[in-house]
C-alpha cells in the first residue's frame, strides 16, 4: 500500500481546482494515472481470460478455470476504479479473478473511456453498451441473460450504481449490484468527507479534481446517473451489497446510498470494514480484509445466483463476519 500512497499523495495538494486551466488539468491527470498503475498481485487466482471488444468497447472476460465450455454461467459486469480519469483492466484484475472463481460466474470487466478526454456520459455509455451486449448475446458465449449483476469500486461503483438505474428504467432485470466504496454524491460534504480529507490514501482534493474532470459543469452532478444519491426513488433497483471503509472520505455517502435504497424497499446489506482505507479490496497482498471482502461478495452473489436457479458446487467462504467488519 505504501508505494501506492506515496505515488499519489499531494499531487493535487494546494491546487485550486476551480482555477485550473485545461493544460494544468491534463498535467495532473497524467501524474495521477501514472500513480494508479499497480503490479499484478503476487498470488493470482486462476481464471480463463479472453480479451474482447463487443461493439468496439474493450473488455476482459473472466471464467472460472473449472467451468465447462458448454456450461451457462451467471454474468457480472465490472467497472474498475480510478476516479473516472485513470485505471484500466489490470487495476482490479485480481478482484475480477476472485469473483469469477468464488462466485462461479463470468465476469466482464469494461475498459471504459476516461475523462477529461471523454467526460460524462462516455464511461457510463461504454459500460451500458457491454451490459446490453451481455443481455442480448449471453447464450452465444455461455452466459445467462436472465442472471446479470453489476459491480464496481470507487468511481466504478458509481458507474455500477448508474448501470443499475439505467437497467431498471430499461426493463433489464439485475440480480444484484456490488458497490465497493462507491462515489454517490457530487456535492458531498459529509462527516467522513471532512474527517478523512487528507492523509488516508484518497483525499478530498483529489475527489474534487475527479469531479471537475468527469462532470463539468457542476450542474451535471445533480443528475442521478452522475450522483445516484440524488435519485427521487430507488424503488425497483437491484438488491445491493455496499462495502465501505472506515477511514474513507466516501464512507458516509456510500452508506447514505444504502439507506436510500433501503427506504425504497430495496434489499440492502452494508458492510463497513473497520480500520480500512479507500481501495482496500484491491490490496490482497497487504491486508487480510481484502480477501474477506471478496469472500463476502462471492457469498452474496452465490445467494443471488441460487435465487435464479444456479446451484453449482462452488468454492467460497461461508460468509461469516470477520472481526474487522461492521454489518447492517
C-alpha atoms as a PDB file:
ATOM      1  CA  UNK A   1       0.000   0.000   0.000  1.00  0.00           C
ATOM      2  CA  UNK A   2       2.832   2.421   0.827  1.00  0.00           C
ATOM      3  CA  UNK A   3       4.146   2.810  -2.773  1.00  0.00           C
ATOM      4  CA  UNK A   4       0.594   3.489  -3.980  1.00  0.00           C
ATOM      5  CA  UNK A   5       0.028   6.137  -1.325  1.00  0.00           C
ATOM      6  CA  UNK A   6       3.431   7.727  -1.946  1.00  0.00           C
ATOM      7  CA  UNK A   7       2.857   7.817  -5.706  1.00  0.00           C
ATOM      8  CA  UNK A   8      -0.460   9.648  -5.437  1.00  0.00           C
ATOM      9  CA  UNK A   9      -0.107  11.741  -2.293  1.00  0.00           C
ATOM     10  CA  UNK A  10      -0.017  15.520  -2.620  1.00  0.00           C
ATOM     11  CA  UNK A  11      -0.407  15.547  -6.420  1.00  0.00           C
ATOM     12  CA  UNK A  12      -3.443  17.803  -6.033  1.00  0.00           C
ATOM     13  CA  UNK A  13      -2.449  19.352  -2.684  1.00  0.00           C
ATOM     14  CA  UNK A  14      -2.629  23.132  -2.799  1.00  0.00           C
ATOM     15  CA  UNK A  15      -4.160  23.163  -6.283  1.00  0.00           C
ATOM     16  CA  UNK A  16      -7.143  25.472  -6.817  1.00  0.00           C
ATOM     17  CA  UNK A  17      -9.276  23.067  -8.815  1.00  0.00           C
ATOM     18  CA  UNK A  18     -11.726  25.747  -9.946  1.00  0.00           C
ATOM     19  CA  UNK A  19      -8.928  27.919 -11.383  1.00  0.00           C
ATOM     20  CA  UNK A  20      -7.064  25.115 -13.118  1.00  0.00           C
ATOM     21  CA  UNK A  21      -6.768  25.599 -16.894  1.00  0.00           C
ATOM     22  CA  UNK A  22      -7.019  22.730 -19.370  1.00  0.00           C
ATOM     23  CA  UNK A  23      -3.240  22.296 -19.661  1.00  0.00           C
ATOM     24  CA  UNK A  24      -2.960  22.105 -15.877  1.00  0.00           C
ATOM     25  CA  UNK A  25      -5.851  19.653 -15.766  1.00  0.00           C
ATOM     26  CA  UNK A  26      -4.160  17.354 -18.278  1.00  0.00           C
ATOM     27  CA  UNK A  27      -0.821  17.519 -16.434  1.00  0.00           C
ATOM     28  CA  UNK A  28      -2.401  16.416 -13.150  1.00  0.00           C
ATOM     29  CA  UNK A  29      -4.384  13.698 -14.925  1.00  0.00           C
ATOM     30  CA  UNK A  30      -1.181  12.216 -16.337  1.00  0.00           C
ATOM     31  CA  UNK A  31       0.517  12.312 -12.920  1.00  0.00           C
ATOM     32  CA  UNK A  32      -2.438  10.597 -11.255  1.00  0.00           C
ATOM     33  CA  UNK A  33      -2.698   7.975 -13.999  1.00  0.00           C
ATOM     34  CA  UNK A  34       0.951   7.093 -13.505  1.00  0.00           C
ATOM     35  CA  UNK A  35       0.364   6.739  -9.759  1.00  0.00           C
ATOM     36  CA  UNK A  36      -2.573   4.385 -10.325  1.00  0.00           C
ATOM     37  CA  UNK A  37      -0.518   1.746 -12.115  1.00  0.00           C
ATOM     38  CA  UNK A  38      -0.357  -1.379  -9.982  1.00  0.00           C
ATOM     39  CA  UNK A  39       1.774  -4.503 -10.300  1.00  0.00           C
ATOM     40  CA  UNK A  40      -0.057  -7.795 -10.584  1.00  0.00           C
ATOM     41  CA  UNK A  41      -0.966  -9.479  -7.308  1.00  0.00           C
ATOM     42  CA  UNK A  42       1.715 -11.908  -6.132  1.00  0.00           C
ATOM     43  CA  UNK A  43      -0.847 -14.662  -5.725  1.00  0.00           C
ATOM     44  CA  UNK A  44      -3.282 -14.522  -8.635  1.00  0.00           C
ATOM     45  CA  UNK A  45      -6.493 -16.506  -8.611  1.00  0.00           C
ATOM     46  CA  UNK A  46      -6.534 -18.809 -11.665  1.00  0.00           C
ATOM     47  CA  UNK A  47      -9.074 -17.883 -14.331  1.00  0.00           C
ATOM     48  CA  UNK A  48      -9.780 -18.410 -18.004  1.00  0.00           C
ATOM     49  CA  UNK A  49      -9.346 -14.998 -19.627  1.00  0.00           C
ATOM     50  CA  UNK A  50     -10.324 -13.655 -23.025  1.00  0.00           C
ATOM     51  CA  UNK A  51      -9.802 -10.128 -24.378  1.00  0.00           C
ATOM     52  CA  UNK A  52     -12.925  -8.967 -26.217  1.00  0.00           C
ATOM     53  CA  UNK A  53     -14.293  -5.758 -27.762  1.00  0.00           C
ATOM     54  CA  UNK A  54     -18.023  -6.089 -28.475  1.00  0.00           C
ATOM     55  CA  UNK A  55     -19.319  -3.025 -30.260  1.00  0.00           C
ATOM     56  CA  UNK A  56     -15.811  -1.586 -30.189  1.00  0.00           C
ATOM     57  CA  UNK A  57     -15.693  -1.333 -26.370  1.00  0.00           C
ATOM     58  CA  UNK A  58     -12.608  -3.152 -24.989  1.00  0.00           C
ATOM     59  CA  UNK A  59     -13.323  -5.576 -22.175  1.00  0.00           C
ATOM     60  CA  UNK A  60     -11.915  -8.653 -20.486  1.00  0.00           C
ATOM     61  CA  UNK A  61     -13.972 -11.804 -19.981  1.00  0.00           C
ATOM     62  CA  UNK A  62     -13.119 -13.990 -16.979  1.00  0.00           C
ATOM     63  CA  UNK A  63     -14.445 -17.502 -16.423  1.00  0.00           C
ATOM     64  CA  UNK A  64     -13.737 -19.997 -13.622  1.00  0.00           C
ATOM     65  CA  UNK A  65     -10.978 -22.378 -14.698  1.00  0.00           C
ATOM     66  CA  UNK A  66     -13.081 -25.400 -13.764  1.00  0.00           C
ATOM     67  CA  UNK A  67     -16.137 -24.322 -15.760  1.00  0.00           C
ATOM     68  CA  UNK A  68     -17.216 -26.408 -18.735  1.00  0.00           C
ATOM     69  CA  UNK A  69     -17.271 -24.560 -22.060  1.00  0.00           C
ATOM     70  CA  UNK A  70     -20.842 -25.812 -22.543  1.00  0.00           C
ATOM     71  CA  UNK A  71     -21.933 -24.522 -19.156  1.00  0.00           C
ATOM     72  CA  UNK A  72     -24.186 -21.499 -18.774  1.00  0.00           C
ATOM     73  CA  UNK A  73     -22.825 -19.043 -16.208  1.00  0.00           C
ATOM     74  CA  UNK A  74     -24.285 -16.033 -14.413  1.00  0.00           C
ATOM     75  CA  UNK A  75     -22.729 -12.787 -15.669  1.00  0.00           C
ATOM     76  CA  UNK A  76     -21.202  -9.957 -13.631  1.00  0.00           C
ATOM     77  CA  UNK A  77     -20.398  -6.663 -15.399  1.00  0.00           C
ATOM     78  CA  UNK A  78     -17.482  -4.946 -13.630  1.00  0.00           C
ATOM     79  CA  UNK A  79     -16.290  -1.301 -13.728  1.00  0.00           C
ATOM     80  CA  UNK A  80     -12.815  -0.553 -12.372  1.00  0.00           C
ATOM     81  CA  UNK A  81     -11.947   2.379 -10.127  1.00  0.00           C
ATOM     82  CA  UNK A  82      -9.638   5.300 -10.829  1.00  0.00           C
ATOM     83  CA  UNK A  83     -11.655   8.477 -10.379  1.00  0.00           C
ATOM     84  CA  UNK A  84     -13.022   8.223 -13.950  1.00  0.00           C
ATOM     85  CA  UNK A  85      -9.654   9.605 -15.119  1.00  0.00           C
ATOM     86  CA  UNK A  86      -7.408   6.563 -14.629  1.00  0.00           C
ATOM     87  CA  UNK A  87      -7.270   2.838 -14.128  1.00  0.00           C
ATOM     88  CA  UNK A  88      -7.521   0.058 -16.667  1.00  0.00           C
ATOM     89  CA  UNK A  89      -8.339  -3.637 -16.919  1.00  0.00           C
ATOM     90  CA  UNK A  90      -5.292  -4.535 -14.831  1.00  0.00           C
ATOM     91  CA  UNK A  91      -6.151  -2.254 -11.898  1.00  0.00           C
ATOM     92  CA  UNK A  92      -8.771  -4.596 -10.425  1.00  0.00           C
ATOM     93  CA  UNK A  93      -7.685  -7.788 -12.190  1.00  0.00           C
ATOM     94  CA  UNK A  94      -7.435  -9.869  -9.008  1.00  0.00           C
ATOM     95  CA  UNK A  95     -10.887  -8.733  -7.863  1.00  0.00           C
ATOM     96  CA  UNK A  96     -12.352  -9.990 -11.144  1.00  0.00           C
ATOM     97  CA  UNK A  97     -10.405 -13.257 -10.983  1.00  0.00           C
ATOM     98  CA  UNK A  98     -11.551 -13.936  -7.432  1.00  0.00           C
ATOM     99  CA  UNK A  99     -15.202 -13.145  -8.112  1.00  0.00           C
ATOM    100  CA  UNK A 100     -15.249 -15.342 -11.224  1.00  0.00           C
ATOM    101  CA  UNK A 101     -13.724 -18.251  -9.298  1.00  0.00           C
ATOM    102  CA  UNK A 102     -15.526 -17.961  -5.989  1.00  0.00           C
ATOM    103  CA  UNK A 103     -18.941 -16.836  -7.243  1.00  0.00           C
ATOM    104  CA  UNK A 104     -18.892 -19.278 -10.180  1.00  0.00           C
ATOM    105  CA  UNK A 105     -19.711 -16.670 -12.781  1.00  0.00           C
ATOM    106  CA  UNK A 106     -18.446 -14.965 -15.903  1.00  0.00           C
ATOM    107  CA  UNK A 107     -17.041 -11.507 -15.148  1.00  0.00           C
ATOM    108  CA  UNK A 108     -16.869  -8.908 -17.909  1.00  0.00           C
ATOM    109  CA  UNK A 109     -14.547  -6.053 -16.910  1.00  0.00           C
ATOM    110  CA  UNK A 110     -15.035  -2.903 -19.002  1.00  0.00           C
ATOM    111  CA  UNK A 111     -12.125  -0.786 -20.263  1.00  0.00           C
ATOM    112  CA  UNK A 112     -14.288   2.317 -20.496  1.00  0.00           C
ATOM    113  CA  UNK A 113     -13.178   5.677 -21.885  1.00  0.00           C
ATOM    114  CA  UNK A 114     -11.570   8.058 -19.417  1.00  0.00           C
ATOM    115  CA  UNK A 115     -12.120  11.716 -18.529  1.00  0.00           C
ATOM    116  CA  UNK A 116     -11.285  14.510 -19.123  1.00  0.00           C
ATOM    117  CA  UNK A 117     -10.791  13.496 -22.761  1.00  0.00           C
ATOM    118  CA  UNK A 118     -14.121  11.672 -22.544  1.00  0.00           C
ATOM    119  CA  UNK A 119     -16.315  13.208 -19.811  1.00  0.00           C
ATOM    120  CA  UNK A 120     -19.746  12.013 -18.674  1.00  0.00           C
ATOM    121  CA  UNK A 121     -21.572  10.125 -20.106  1.00  0.00           C
ATOM    122  CA  UNK A 122     -18.810   8.349 -22.100  1.00  0.00           C
ATOM    123  CA  UNK A 123     -17.701   5.919 -19.364  1.00  0.00           C
ATOM    124  CA  UNK A 124     -21.270   5.078 -18.425  1.00  0.00           C
ATOM    125  CA  UNK A 125     -22.264   4.639 -22.064  1.00  0.00           C
ATOM    126  CA  UNK A 126     -19.386   2.182 -22.574  1.00  0.00           C
ATOM    127  CA  UNK A 127     -20.440   0.162 -19.528  1.00  0.00           C
ATOM    128  CA  UNK A 128     -24.047   0.252 -20.676  1.00  0.00           C
ATOM    129  CA  UNK A 129     -23.002  -0.973 -24.115  1.00  0.00           C
ATOM    130  CA  UNK A 130     -21.347  -4.008 -22.511  1.00  0.00           C
ATOM    131  CA  UNK A 131     -24.322  -4.674 -20.240  1.00  0.00           C
ATOM    132  CA  UNK A 132     -26.810  -4.585 -23.114  1.00  0.00           C
ATOM    133  CA  UNK A 133     -24.458  -6.722 -25.221  1.00  0.00           C
ATOM    134  CA  UNK A 134     -24.353  -9.303 -22.428  1.00  0.00           C
ATOM    135  CA  UNK A 135     -28.121  -9.207 -22.088  1.00  0.00           C
ATOM    136  CA  UNK A 136     -28.639  -9.647 -25.839  1.00  0.00           C
ATOM    137  CA  UNK A 137     -25.912 -12.182 -26.675  1.00  0.00           C
ATOM    138  CA  UNK A 138     -25.000 -14.089 -23.499  1.00  0.00           C
ATOM    139  CA  UNK A 139     -26.281 -17.505 -24.679  1.00  0.00           C
ATOM    140  CA  UNK A 140     -23.848 -17.408 -27.615  1.00  0.00           C
ATOM    141  CA  UNK A 141     -20.795 -17.310 -25.319  1.00  0.00           C
ATOM    142  CA  UNK A 142     -22.000 -19.249 -22.297  1.00  0.00           C
ATOM    143  CA  UNK A 143     -23.664 -16.537 -20.243  1.00  0.00           C
ATOM    144  CA  UNK A 144     -27.140 -16.428 -18.740  1.00  0.00           C
ATOM    145  CA  UNK A 145     -29.010 -13.259 -19.823  1.00  0.00           C
ATOM    146  CA  UNK A 146     -31.529 -13.816 -17.050  1.00  0.00           C
ATOM    147  CA  UNK A 147     -28.830 -13.813 -14.372  1.00  0.00           C
ATOM    148  CA  UNK A 148     -26.987 -10.499 -14.690  1.00  0.00           C
ATOM    149  CA  UNK A 149     -25.376  -8.359 -11.996  1.00  0.00           C
ATOM    150  CA  UNK A 150     -23.160  -5.265 -11.877  1.00  0.00           C
ATOM    151  CA  UNK A 151     -20.196  -4.367  -9.692  1.00  0.00           C
ATOM    152  CA  UNK A 152     -17.541  -1.705  -9.337  1.00  0.00           C
ATOM    153  CA  UNK A 153     -15.181   0.044  -6.971  1.00  0.00           C
ATOM    154  CA  UNK A 154     -14.944   3.768  -6.203  1.00  0.00           C
ATOM    155  CA  UNK A 155     -15.712   5.591  -9.477  1.00  0.00           C
ATOM    156  CA  UNK A 156     -16.531   2.147 -10.849  1.00  0.00           C
ATOM    157  CA  UNK A 157     -19.009   1.758  -8.003  1.00  0.00           C
ATOM    158  CA  UNK A 158     -20.597   4.991  -9.188  1.00  0.00           C
ATOM    159  CA  UNK A 159     -20.833   3.553 -12.706  1.00  0.00           C
ATOM    160  CA  UNK A 160     -22.262   0.267 -11.413  1.00  0.00           C
ATOM    161  CA  UNK A 161     -24.932   2.121  -9.428  1.00  0.00           C
ATOM    162  CA  UNK A 162     -25.790   4.182 -12.517  1.00  0.00           C
ATOM    163  CA  UNK A 163     -25.960   0.993 -14.593  1.00  0.00           C
ATOM    164  CA  UNK A 164     -28.468  -0.433 -12.130  1.00  0.00           C
ATOM    165  CA  UNK A 165     -30.581   2.708 -12.546  1.00  0.00           C
ATOM    166  CA  UNK A 166     -30.438   2.504 -16.351  1.00  0.00           C
ATOM    167  CA  UNK A 167     -31.234  -1.205 -16.268  1.00  0.00           C
ATOM    168  CA  UNK A 168     -34.293  -0.619 -14.098  1.00  0.00           C
ATOM    169  CA  UNK A 169     -35.535   2.138 -16.391  1.00  0.00           C
ATOM    170  CA  UNK A 170     -34.904  -0.012 -19.496  1.00  0.00           C
ATOM    171  CA  UNK A 171     -36.643  -3.058 -18.045  1.00  0.00           C
ATOM    172  CA  UNK A 172     -33.484  -5.189 -17.823  1.00  0.00           C
ATOM    173  CA  UNK A 173     -33.640  -7.168 -14.551  1.00  0.00           C
ATOM    174  CA  UNK A 174     -30.452  -7.421 -12.494  1.00  0.00           C
ATOM    175  CA  UNK A 175     -29.880  -9.955  -9.737  1.00  0.00           C
ATOM    176  CA  UNK A 176     -27.526  -7.749  -7.716  1.00  0.00           C
ATOM    177  CA  UNK A 177     -25.313  -4.701  -7.546  1.00  0.00           C
ATOM    178  CA  UNK A 178     -21.990  -4.847  -5.671  1.00  0.00           C
ATOM    179  CA  UNK A 179     -20.766  -1.367  -4.790  1.00  0.00           C
ATOM    180  CA  UNK A 180     -17.314  -1.037  -3.227  1.00  0.00           C
ATOM    181  CA  UNK A 181     -16.803   2.352  -1.540  1.00  0.00           C
ATOM    182  CA  UNK A 182     -18.872   3.987  -4.289  1.00  0.00           C
ATOM    183  CA  UNK A 183     -18.939   7.654  -5.245  1.00  0.00           C
ATOM    184  CA  UNK A 184     -22.609   8.622  -4.962  1.00  0.00           C
ATOM    185  CA  UNK A 185     -22.789  12.397  -4.429  1.00  0.00           C
ATOM    186  CA  UNK A 186     -21.057  15.132  -6.409  1.00  0.00           C
ATOM    187  CA  UNK A 187     -21.893  17.658  -3.710  1.00  0.00           C
ATOM    188  CA  UNK A 188     -20.837  15.619  -0.692  1.00  0.00           C
ATOM    189  CA  UNK A 189     -19.933  17.474   2.485  1.00  0.00           C
ATOM    190  CA  UNK A 190     -20.385  14.509   4.799  1.00  0.00           C
ATOM    191  CA  UNK A 191     -18.630  13.998   8.116  1.00  0.00           C
ATOM    192  CA  UNK A 192     -16.319  11.352   6.642  1.00  0.00           C
ATOM    193  CA  UNK A 193     -15.515  13.648   3.699  1.00  0.00           C
ATOM    194  CA  UNK A 194     -14.313  16.245   6.205  1.00  0.00           C
ATOM    195  CA  UNK A 195     -12.745  13.894   8.760  1.00  0.00           C
ATOM    196  CA  UNK A 196     -10.658  11.934   6.237  1.00  0.00           C
ATOM    197  CA  UNK A 197      -9.995  14.732   3.753  1.00  0.00           C
ATOM    198  CA  UNK A 198      -6.218  14.242   3.914  1.00  0.00           C
ATOM    199  CA  UNK A 199      -3.790  11.520   4.907  1.00  0.00           C
ATOM    200  CA  UNK A 200      -5.909   8.447   4.080  1.00  0.00           C
ATOM    201  CA  UNK A 201      -4.927   7.433   0.508  1.00  0.00           C
ATOM    202  CA  UNK A 202      -7.841   9.190  -1.219  1.00  0.00           C
ATOM    203  CA  UNK A 203      -8.052  12.919  -0.485  1.00  0.00           C
ATOM    204  CA  UNK A 204     -10.877  15.439  -0.720  1.00  0.00           C
ATOM    205  CA  UNK A 205      -8.740  17.480  -3.104  1.00  0.00           C
ATOM    206  CA  UNK A 206      -8.398  14.502  -5.447  1.00  0.00           C
ATOM    207  CA  UNK A 207     -12.146  13.884  -5.323  1.00  0.00           C
ATOM    208  CA  UNK A 208     -12.888  17.479  -6.276  1.00  0.00           C
ATOM    209  CA  UNK A 209     -10.404  17.126  -9.121  1.00  0.00           C
ATOM    210  CA  UNK A 210     -12.015  13.895 -10.325  1.00  0.00           C
ATOM    211  CA  UNK A 211     -15.427  15.543 -10.346  1.00  0.00           C
ATOM    212  CA  UNK A 212     -14.078  18.518 -12.305  1.00  0.00           C
ATOM    213  CA  UNK A 213     -12.664  16.138 -14.930  1.00  0.00           C
ATOM    214  CA  UNK A 214     -15.713  13.862 -15.180  1.00  0.00           C
ATOM    215  CA  UNK A 215     -18.812  16.020 -14.765  1.00  0.00           C
ATOM    216  CA  UNK A 216     -18.338  19.655 -15.698  1.00  0.00           C
ATOM    217  CA  UNK A 217     -20.281  21.958 -15.443  1.00  0.00           C
ATOM    218  CA  UNK A 218     -21.165  21.191 -11.864  1.00  0.00           C
ATOM    219  CA  UNK A 219     -24.882  21.247 -12.698  1.00  0.00           C
ATOM    220  CA  UNK A 220     -24.419  17.764 -14.218  1.00  0.00           C
ATOM    221  CA  UNK A 221     -23.669  16.421 -10.758  1.00  0.00           C
ATOM    222  CA  UNK A 222     -27.333  16.674  -9.784  1.00  0.00           C
ATOM    223  CA  UNK A 223     -28.243  14.039 -12.378  1.00  0.00           C
ATOM    224  CA  UNK A 224     -28.929  10.708 -10.612  1.00  0.00           C
ATOM    225  CA  UNK A 225     -26.831   8.920 -13.250  1.00  0.00           C
ATOM    226  CA  UNK A 226     -23.901  11.022 -12.037  1.00  0.00           C
ATOM    227  CA  UNK A 227     -24.853  11.275  -8.354  1.00  0.00           C
ATOM    228  CA  UNK A 228     -27.089   8.285  -7.530  1.00  0.00           C
ATOM    229  CA  UNK A 229     -27.783   9.705  -4.072  1.00  0.00           C
ATOM    230  CA  UNK A 230     -29.931  12.335  -5.847  1.00  0.00           C
ATOM    231  CA  UNK A 231     -32.440   9.720  -7.032  1.00  0.00           C
ATOM    232  CA  UNK A 232     -36.067  10.627  -6.386  1.00  0.00           C
ATOM    233  CA  UNK A 233     -36.862   6.977  -5.782  1.00  0.00           C
ATOM    234  CA  UNK A 234     -34.790   3.818  -5.762  1.00  0.00           C
ATOM    235  CA  UNK A 235     -37.867   1.602  -5.999  1.00  0.00           C
ATOM    236  CA  UNK A 236     -37.276  -1.370  -8.281  1.00  0.00           C
ATOM    237  CA  UNK A 237     -33.480  -1.277  -8.234  1.00  0.00           C
ATOM    238  CA  UNK A 238     -31.475  -4.478  -7.862  1.00  0.00           C
ATOM    239  CA  UNK A 239     -30.589  -5.769  -4.374  1.00  0.00           C
ATOM    240  CA  UNK A 240     -27.288  -4.318  -3.214  1.00  0.00           C
ATOM    241  CA  UNK A 241     -24.217  -5.166  -1.193  1.00  0.00           C
ATOM    242  CA  UNK A 242     -22.315  -1.996  -0.318  1.00  0.00           C
ATOM    243  CA  UNK A 243     -18.763  -2.293   1.011  1.00  0.00           C
ATOM    244  CA  UNK A 244     -17.328   0.755   2.796  1.00  0.00           C
ATOM    245  CA  UNK A 245     -14.044   1.522   4.545  1.00  0.00           C
ATOM    246  CA  UNK A 246     -13.988   3.249   7.925  1.00  0.00           C
ATOM    247  CA  UNK A 247     -11.159   5.687   7.082  1.00  0.00           C
ATOM    248  CA  UNK A 248     -12.507   6.791   3.711  1.00  0.00           C
ATOM    249  CA  UNK A 249     -13.911  10.197   2.735  1.00  0.00           C
ATOM    250  CA  UNK A 250     -16.519   8.314   0.649  1.00  0.00           C
ATOM    251  CA  UNK A 251     -17.741   6.180   3.559  1.00  0.00           C
ATOM    252  CA  UNK A 252     -20.773   8.243   4.536  1.00  0.00           C
ATOM    253  CA  UNK A 253     -22.123   8.834   1.026  1.00  0.00           C
ATOM    254  CA  UNK A 254     -21.848   5.120   0.239  1.00  0.00           C
ATOM    255  CA  UNK A 255     -23.761   4.221   3.382  1.00  0.00           C
ATOM    256  CA  UNK A 256     -26.277   7.019   2.747  1.00  0.00           C
ATOM    257  CA  UNK A 257     -26.975   5.479  -0.648  1.00  0.00           C
ATOM    258  CA  UNK A 258     -27.595   2.167   1.067  1.00  0.00           C
ATOM    259  CA  UNK A 259     -30.137   3.830   3.337  1.00  0.00           C
ATOM    260  CA  UNK A 260     -31.836   5.433   0.325  1.00  0.00           C
ATOM    261  CA  UNK A 261     -32.170   2.012  -1.286  1.00  0.00           C
ATOM    262  CA  UNK A 262     -33.483   0.509   1.928  1.00  0.00           C
ATOM    263  CA  UNK A 263     -36.077   3.277   2.340  1.00  0.00           C
ATOM    264  CA  UNK A 264     -37.370   2.433  -1.149  1.00  0.00           C
ATOM    265  CA  UNK A 265     -37.782  -1.231  -0.254  1.00  0.00           C
ATOM    266  CA  UNK A 266     -34.629  -2.498  -1.968  1.00  0.00           C
ATOM    267  CA  UNK A 267     -32.881  -5.335  -0.073  1.00  0.00           C
ATOM    268  CA  UNK A 268     -29.530  -3.914   1.050  1.00  0.00           C
ATOM    269  CA  UNK A 269     -26.546  -5.153   3.015  1.00  0.00           C
ATOM    270  CA  UNK A 270     -23.980  -2.553   4.122  1.00  0.00           C
ATOM    271  CA  UNK A 271     -20.609  -3.786   5.380  1.00  0.00           C
ATOM    272  CA  UNK A 272     -18.178  -1.296   6.876  1.00  0.00           C
ATOM    273  CA  UNK A 273     -14.628  -2.583   7.331  1.00  0.00           C
ATOM    274  CA  UNK A 274     -13.104  -1.079  10.448  1.00  0.00           C
ATOM    275  CA  UNK A 275      -9.656   0.473  10.208  1.00  0.00           C
ATOM    276  CA  UNK A 276      -9.615   0.200   6.430  1.00  0.00           C
ATOM    277  CA  UNK A 277      -8.740   2.738   3.740  1.00  0.00           C
ATOM    278  CA  UNK A 278     -10.309   3.511   0.399  1.00  0.00           C
ATOM    279  CA  UNK A 279      -9.359   0.891  -2.162  1.00  0.00           C
ATOM    280  CA  UNK A 280      -8.512  -1.842   0.342  1.00  0.00           C
ATOM    281  CA  UNK A 281     -10.284  -4.655  -1.540  1.00  0.00           C
ATOM    282  CA  UNK A 282      -7.640  -4.464  -4.292  1.00  0.00           C
ATOM    283  CA  UNK A 283      -4.823  -4.768  -1.726  1.00  0.00           C
ATOM    284  CA  UNK A 284      -4.903  -8.561  -1.493  1.00  0.00           C
ATOM    285  CA  UNK A 285      -1.137  -8.757  -0.923  1.00  0.00           C
ATOM    286  CA  UNK A 286      -1.337  -6.380   2.039  1.00  0.00           C
ATOM    287  CA  UNK A 287      -4.458  -6.824   4.166  1.00  0.00           C
ATOM    288  CA  UNK A 288      -6.496  -9.960   5.028  1.00  0.00           C
ATOM    289  CA  UNK A 289      -9.635  -7.812   4.911  1.00  0.00           C
ATOM    290  CA  UNK A 290      -9.297  -7.707   1.121  1.00  0.00           C
ATOM    291  CA  UNK A 291      -9.837 -11.467   0.870  1.00  0.00           C
ATOM    292  CA  UNK A 292     -12.586 -11.281   3.499  1.00  0.00           C
ATOM    293  CA  UNK A 293     -14.446  -8.679   1.450  1.00  0.00           C
ATOM    294  CA  UNK A 294     -14.014 -10.708  -1.737  1.00  0.00           C
ATOM    295  CA  UNK A 295     -15.382 -13.781   0.039  1.00  0.00           C
ATOM    296  CA  UNK A 296     -18.324 -11.766   1.353  1.00  0.00           C
ATOM    297  CA  UNK A 297     -19.137 -10.553  -2.151  1.00  0.00           C
ATOM    298  CA  UNK A 298     -18.849 -14.069  -3.573  1.00  0.00           C
ATOM    299  CA  UNK A 299     -21.236 -15.465  -0.962  1.00  0.00           C
ATOM    300  CA  UNK A 300     -23.674 -12.634  -1.656  1.00  0.00           C
ATOM    301  CA  UNK A 301     -23.580 -13.358  -5.382  1.00  0.00           C
ATOM    302  CA  UNK A 302     -23.968 -17.094  -4.808  1.00  0.00           C
ATOM    303  CA  UNK A 303     -27.158 -16.382  -2.867  1.00  0.00           C
ATOM    304  CA  UNK A 304     -28.415 -14.225  -5.722  1.00  0.00           C
ATOM    305  CA  UNK A 305     -27.445 -16.820  -8.335  1.00  0.00           C
ATOM    306  CA  UNK A 306     -29.138 -19.515  -6.254  1.00  0.00           C
ATOM    307  CA  UNK A 307     -32.341 -17.500  -6.214  1.00  0.00           C
ATOM    308  CA  UNK A 308     -32.173 -17.650 -10.012  1.00  0.00           C
ATOM    309  CA  UNK A 309     -31.704 -21.417 -10.063  1.00  0.00           C
ATOM    310  CA  UNK A 310     -27.919 -21.653 -10.411  1.00  0.00           C
ATOM    311  CA  UNK A 311     -26.971 -24.351  -7.903  1.00  0.00           C
ATOM    312  CA  UNK A 312     -23.486 -25.453  -8.946  1.00  0.00           C
ATOM    313  CA  UNK A 313     -20.848 -26.592  -6.480  1.00  0.00           C
ATOM    314  CA  UNK A 314     -18.781 -23.551  -5.577  1.00  0.00           C
ATOM    315  CA  UNK A 315     -15.509 -22.751  -3.834  1.00  0.00           C
ATOM    316  CA  UNK A 316     -16.476 -19.963  -1.464  1.00  0.00           C
ATOM    317  CA  UNK A 317     -16.300 -18.764   2.102  1.00  0.00           C
ATOM    318  CA  UNK A 318     -19.202 -19.467   4.432  1.00  0.00           C
ATOM    319  CA  UNK A 319     -19.634 -15.709   4.694  1.00  0.00           C
ATOM    320  CA  UNK A 320     -19.246 -15.369   8.437  1.00  0.00           C
ATOM    321  CA  UNK A 321     -18.453 -11.796   9.515  1.00  0.00           C
ATOM    322  CA  UNK A 322     -14.812 -11.005  10.224  1.00  0.00           C
ATOM    323  CA  UNK A 323     -13.567  -9.145  13.274  1.00  0.00           C
ATOM    324  CA  UNK A 324     -12.833  -6.042  11.217  1.00  0.00           C
ATOM    325  CA  UNK A 325     -16.305  -5.685   9.781  1.00  0.00           C
ATOM    326  CA  UNK A 326     -19.496  -3.982  10.866  1.00  0.00           C
ATOM    327  CA  UNK A 327     -22.601  -5.186   9.024  1.00  0.00           C
ATOM    328  CA  UNK A 328     -26.008  -3.538   8.802  1.00  0.00           C
END
